[in-house]
Amino acid sequence: MSLPISTREHWISTGKGQLFAQSWTPAETHGEPILLLHDSLGCVALWRDFPENLARATGHLVIAYDRLGFGRSEGYPGALPLGFIDDEARENFPVLQQHFGFERCVVFGHSVGGAMAVACVAQHPLACAALITESAQAFVEHQTRDGIRAAEQEFAREGQLERLQKYHGDKAFCVLRAWVDTWLSDDFSDWNLDAELALVKCPILSLHGEQDEYGTAAHPERFTSVPGVPTVLKLLPDCGHVPHRQQQAAVLAAVSDFLRQFGGATTG
């Protein structure tokens, strides 16, 4: 019999606009909350049934939120700066921590959300018990840019932008352009997470599909090469860029095993 999950919506004020968030609470909760950070085109709704199933599988409270400019959150004020990944960790992580009242959490990021999760751990080490990256990029790779170019062409086809409008409303075009223009920018070509990863002091699980359209296994290998901390690398066969949808059972099992073994561990 499945344990009941309580779902609640949240509206959170920030200095730049209001964030929408949602939480999934098991009837019997244990461990630190899991904070989900979405990808470049994502939002709470696009996690679909994963947060509820993650809460049920792990027994942890699960929190997901729409970044400013995405989903049901307010629009982003102005153009997205190239430092948006570090900015998300610096500006919004403390707001979420205060709103939900957790001392520590497990940060779980998909794609660029994985980079943001790394930045959260680097900037707030005492507040992060463990780090989980899924299909995340540690640097700018040719395959990443090639995948984005292909996606840009797909979205240029008639009716394709409406797919994003279903989730982002009138923010959809800005969501698409922020993703494409940032990652294809010459000024972003040297971006990497080397400095942030050097500051990580908590256990790391890195999940990656073997057929990921936006990055090779070099990324999870980089995430799990951090010295002095427990790391687990999980490559998923027959899986592309969205393991939590394409191989959800395997993702839930890997996360549950990781949290049972390392969820509360930290190094000095």
Protein backbone atom coordinates (compact mmCIF):
# COMPACT_ATOMS: atom_id res chain seq x y z
CA MET A 1 0.00 0.00 0.00
CA SER A 2 1.42 3.42 -0.99
CA LEU A 3 1.96 5.91 1.79
CA PRO A 4 -0.14 9.08 1.43
CA ILE A 5 1.66 12.22 0.25
CA SER A 6 0.49 15.69 1.23
CA THR A 7 0.98 18.32 -1.51
CA ARG A 8 1.05 22.06 -0.87
CA GLU A 9 1.63 25.14 -3.03
CA HIS A 10 3.76 28.07 -1.85
CA TRP A 11 4.26 31.67 -2.97
CA ILE A 12 7.56 33.16 -1.85
CA SER A 13 8.54 36.82 -2.08
CA THR A 14 12.06 37.77 -3.19
CA GLY A 15 13.69 41.10 -3.93
CA LYS A 16 13.21 40.53 -7.67
CA GLY A 17 9.77 38.93 -7.79
CA GLN A 18 7.55 36.17 -6.45
CA LEU A 19 8.53 32.50 -6.68
CA PHE A 20 6.12 29.62 -6.99
CA ALA A 21 7.02 26.42 -5.13
CA GLN A 22 5.38 23.12 -4.29
CA SER A 23 6.12 20.59 -1.55
CA TRP A 24 5.38 16.89 -1.20
CA THR A 25 5.33 15.58 2.39
CA PRO A 26 5.13 11.86 3.22
CA ALA A 27 2.92 10.79 6.13
CA GLU A 28 6.12 9.66 7.90
CA THR A 29 8.96 12.05 7.09
CA HIS A 30 12.63 11.53 7.90
CA GLY A 31 15.95 12.97 6.81
CA GLU A 32 16.66 16.33 5.25
CA PRO A 33 14.32 17.81 2.63
CA ILE A 34 15.24 17.27 -1.02
CA LEU A 35 15.33 20.54 -2.97
CA LEU A 36 14.78 20.08 -6.72
CA LEU A 37 16.30 22.57 -9.18
CA HIS A 38 14.90 22.38 -12.71
CA ASP A 39 16.56 22.54 -16.12
CA SER A 40 16.82 25.40 -18.62
CA LEU A 41 13.33 24.91 -20.05
CA GLY A 42 11.77 23.39 -16.95
CA CYS A 43 9.46 24.25 -14.09
CA VAL A 44 7.63 22.53 -11.24
CA ALA A 45 4.94 21.12 -13.54
CA LEU A 46 7.52 19.54 -15.86
CA TRP A 47 8.86 17.37 -13.03
CA ARG A 48 5.46 15.66 -13.47
CA ASP A 49 5.00 12.78 -11.02
CA PHE A 50 8.66 12.52 -10.04
CA PRO A 51 8.57 14.68 -6.87
CA GLU A 52 5.65 12.73 -5.41
CA ASN A 53 7.26 9.40 -6.26
CA LEU A 54 10.60 10.61 -4.87
CA ALA A 55 8.93 11.59 -1.58
CA ARG A 56 7.21 8.21 -1.43
CA ALA A 57 10.37 6.23 -2.28
CA THR A 58 12.69 8.04 0.14
CA GLY A 59 10.41 9.25 2.94
CA HIS A 60 11.94 12.74 2.57
CA LEU A 61 10.03 15.98 2.17
CA VAL A 62 10.51 17.09 -1.46
CA ILE A 63 10.47 20.74 -2.55
CA ALA A 64 10.48 22.09 -6.10
CA TYR A 65 10.24 25.69 -7.28
CA ASP A 66 10.03 27.72 -10.46
CA ARG A 67 12.96 30.07 -10.94
CA LEU A 68 12.08 33.66 -11.75
CA GLY A 69 11.06 33.80 -15.41
CA PHE A 70 9.79 30.19 -15.44
CA GLY A 71 6.50 28.41 -14.87
CA ARG A 72 4.20 30.16 -12.41
CA SER A 73 6.87 32.42 -10.92
CA GLU A 74 7.06 36.07 -11.96
CA GLY A 75 9.14 37.15 -14.94
CA TYR A 76 12.87 37.67 -14.63
CA PRO A 77 13.69 41.39 -14.32
CA GLY A 78 15.78 42.28 -17.35
CA ALA A 79 18.21 40.12 -19.34
CA LEU A 80 19.60 36.95 -17.79
CA PRO A 81 23.21 37.65 -16.71
CA LEU A 82 25.99 35.21 -17.56
CA GLY A 83 26.49 34.66 -13.82
CA PHE A 84 22.92 33.39 -13.39
CA ILE A 85 24.03 30.01 -12.01
CA ASP A 86 25.95 31.45 -9.06
CA ASP A 87 23.28 34.14 -8.65
CA GLU A 88 20.58 31.51 -8.15
CA ALA A 89 22.53 29.88 -5.34
CA ARG A 90 23.42 33.18 -3.69
CA GLU A 91 20.05 34.91 -3.95
CA ASN A 92 17.28 32.32 -3.88
CA PHE A 93 18.66 29.39 -1.89
CA PRO A 94 18.64 31.42 1.37
CA VAL A 95 15.09 32.60 0.63
CA LEU A 96 13.91 29.02 0.15
CA GLN A 97 15.75 27.89 3.27
CA GLN A 98 14.07 30.58 5.35
CA HIS A 99 10.60 29.93 3.90
CA PHE A 100 10.69 26.17 4.44
CA GLY A 101 12.64 26.38 7.69
CA PHE A 102 15.24 23.69 7.04
CA GLU A 103 18.73 23.79 8.51
CA ARG A 104 20.11 21.44 5.86
CA CYS A 105 18.81 19.85 2.69
CA VAL A 106 19.80 17.54 -0.14
CA VAL A 107 20.16 19.54 -3.35
CA PHE A 108 19.10 17.69 -6.51
CA GLY A 109 19.54 19.48 -9.83
CA HIS A 110 18.61 18.45 -13.37
CA SER A 111 20.74 19.77 -16.27
CA VAL A 112 21.62 23.42 -15.52
CA GLY A 113 19.81 22.90 -12.22
CA GLY A 114 22.63 20.48 -11.42
CA ALA A 115 25.15 23.27 -11.90
CA MET A 116 23.03 25.42 -9.61
CA ALA A 117 22.98 22.60 -7.05
CA VAL A 118 26.79 22.53 -7.12
CA ALA A 119 26.83 26.31 -6.59
CA CYS A 120 24.44 25.93 -3.64
CA VAL A 121 26.75 23.41 -1.99
CA ALA A 122 29.82 25.57 -2.63
CA GLN A 123 28.22 28.74 -1.26
CA HIS A 124 26.21 27.18 1.60
CA PRO A 125 28.22 24.14 2.76
CA LEU A 126 26.65 23.95 6.21
CA ALA A 127 23.15 23.91 4.72
CA CYS A 128 23.75 21.07 2.22
CA ALA A 129 23.89 17.47 3.40
CA ALA A 130 24.33 15.86 -0.03
CA LEU A 131 24.49 16.74 -3.72
CA ILE A 132 22.71 14.94 -6.56
CA THR A 133 23.28 15.92 -10.18
CA GLU A 134 21.19 14.54 -13.03
CA SER A 135 22.23 15.13 -16.66
CA ALA A 136 24.20 18.15 -15.46
CA GLN A 137 26.99 19.98 -17.27
CA ALA A 138 30.28 20.75 -15.52
CA PHE A 139 31.65 22.78 -18.44
CA VAL A 140 30.68 23.84 -21.97
CA GLU A 141 31.08 20.91 -24.34
CA HIS A 142 30.64 20.70 -28.13
CA GLN A 143 27.90 18.11 -27.67
CA THR A 144 26.00 20.50 -25.39
CA ARG A 145 26.07 23.27 -27.97
CA ASP A 146 25.23 20.92 -30.84
CA GLY A 147 22.23 19.61 -28.93
CA ILE A 148 21.01 23.13 -28.22
CA ARG A 149 21.37 24.13 -31.88
CA ALA A 150 19.30 21.11 -32.88
CA ALA A 151 16.64 21.97 -30.29
CA GLU A 152 16.54 25.59 -31.49
CA GLN A 153 15.76 24.38 -35.00
CA GLU A 154 13.04 22.09 -33.65
CA PHE A 155 11.39 24.92 -31.71
CA ALA A 156 11.44 27.07 -34.86
CA ARG A 157 8.94 24.69 -36.47
CA GLU A 158 5.32 25.77 -36.53
CA GLY A 159 3.49 25.06 -33.29
CA GLN A 160 6.53 23.99 -31.29
CA LEU A 161 6.77 27.11 -29.13
CA GLU A 162 3.26 26.34 -27.89
CA ARG A 163 4.77 23.36 -26.05
CA LEU A 164 6.63 25.81 -23.84
CA GLN A 165 3.72 28.24 -23.58
CA LYS A 166 1.67 25.49 -21.93
CA TYR A 167 4.03 25.68 -18.95
CA HIS A 168 5.54 29.18 -19.10
CA GLY A 169 2.74 31.26 -20.63
CA ASP A 170 3.89 34.53 -22.15
CA LYS A 171 7.38 33.94 -20.71
CA ALA A 172 7.99 31.00 -23.08
CA PHE A 173 9.92 32.87 -25.78
CA CYS A 174 12.22 34.44 -23.16
CA VAL A 175 12.78 31.01 -21.59
CA LEU A 176 13.84 29.58 -24.94
CA ARG A 177 16.08 32.50 -25.92
CA ALA A 178 17.77 32.64 -22.51
CA TRP A 179 18.76 28.98 -22.89
CA VAL A 180 19.93 29.17 -26.49
CA ASP A 181 21.60 32.57 -26.40
CA THR A 182 23.45 31.96 -23.13
CA TRP A 183 24.92 28.56 -23.97
CA LEU A 184 25.85 29.54 -27.52
CA SER A 185 27.41 32.85 -26.46
CA ASP A 186 31.15 33.24 -26.96
CA ASP A 187 31.30 34.92 -23.56
CA PHE A 188 29.92 31.74 -21.94
CA SER A 189 32.23 29.33 -23.78
CA ASP A 190 34.80 29.13 -20.96
CA TRP A 191 32.25 28.59 -18.20
CA ASN A 192 32.92 25.65 -15.88
CA LEU A 193 32.31 24.50 -12.30
CA ASP A 194 35.92 23.79 -11.35
CA ALA A 195 36.08 26.47 -8.64
CA GLU A 196 32.73 25.46 -7.15
CA LEU A 197 33.48 21.73 -7.18
CA ALA A 198 36.72 22.38 -5.28
CA LEU A 199 34.56 23.67 -2.39
CA VAL A 200 32.19 20.69 -2.22
CA LYS A 201 32.48 18.82 1.09
CA CYS A 202 29.41 16.58 1.00
CA PRO A 203 28.64 13.24 -0.71
CA ILE A 204 27.84 13.36 -4.43
CA LEU A 205 25.61 11.19 -6.61
CA SER A 206 25.86 11.91 -10.34
CA LEU A 207 23.24 10.39 -12.67
CA HIS A 208 23.64 10.53 -16.44
CA GLY A 209 21.96 8.87 -19.41
CA GLU A 210 24.29 7.06 -21.77
CA GLN A 211 22.42 8.64 -24.71
CA ASP A 212 22.23 12.15 -23.27
CA GLU A 213 21.81 14.60 -26.16
CA TYR A 214 23.48 17.48 -24.30
CA GLY A 215 26.60 16.01 -22.74
CA THR A 216 28.94 13.03 -22.61
CA ALA A 217 29.98 10.98 -19.59
CA ALA A 218 32.82 13.46 -19.07
CA HIS A 219 30.40 15.51 -16.97
CA PRO A 220 29.44 12.93 -14.34
CA GLU A 221 33.06 11.81 -14.29
CA ARG A 222 34.05 15.37 -13.41
CA PHE A 223 31.39 15.61 -10.69
CA THR A 224 32.57 12.39 -9.09
CA SER A 225 36.28 13.24 -9.20
CA VAL A 226 36.04 15.62 -6.24
CA PRO A 227 38.70 14.43 -3.77
CA GLY A 228 37.95 13.62 -0.16
CA VAL A 229 34.18 13.07 -0.39
CA PRO A 230 32.09 9.94 -1.08
CA THR A 231 30.94 9.86 -4.70
CA VAL A 232 28.68 7.60 -6.75
CA LEU A 233 28.49 7.69 -10.56
CA LYS A 234 25.45 6.05 -12.16
CA LEU A 235 25.31 5.80 -15.96
CA LEU A 236 21.86 4.79 -17.17
CA PRO A 237 21.60 2.71 -20.38
CA ASP A 238 18.90 3.44 -22.96
CA CYS A 239 18.44 6.88 -21.43
CA GLY A 240 18.71 10.42 -22.74
CA HIS A 241 18.67 13.80 -21.02
CA VAL A 242 15.68 13.25 -18.70
CA PRO A 243 16.41 10.18 -16.55
CA HIS A 244 13.72 11.01 -13.97
CA ARG A 245 11.16 10.50 -16.73
CA GLN A 246 12.90 8.02 -19.04
CA GLN A 247 14.31 5.74 -16.32
CA GLN A 248 12.39 6.85 -13.24
CA ALA A 249 12.51 3.52 -11.39
CA ALA A 250 16.30 3.37 -11.75
CA VAL A 251 16.65 6.99 -10.60
CA LEU A 252 14.43 6.45 -7.56
CA ALA A 253 16.38 3.33 -6.60
CA ALA A 254 19.76 5.06 -7.01
CA VAL A 255 18.69 8.11 -5.00
CA SER A 256 17.15 6.00 -2.25
CA ASP A 257 20.27 3.86 -1.93
CA PHE A 258 22.52 6.91 -1.95
CA LEU A 259 20.53 8.71 0.75
CA ARG A 260 20.41 5.61 2.96
CA GLN A 261 24.18 5.33 2.74
CA PHE A 262 25.37 8.93 2.61
CA GLY A 263 22.44 11.28 3.14
CA GLY A 264 23.68 12.75 6.39
CA ALA A 265 27.41 12.51 5.90
CA THR A 266 29.71 15.52 5.59
CA THR A 267 33.45 16.04 5.74
CA GLY A 268 35.28 18.66 7.73
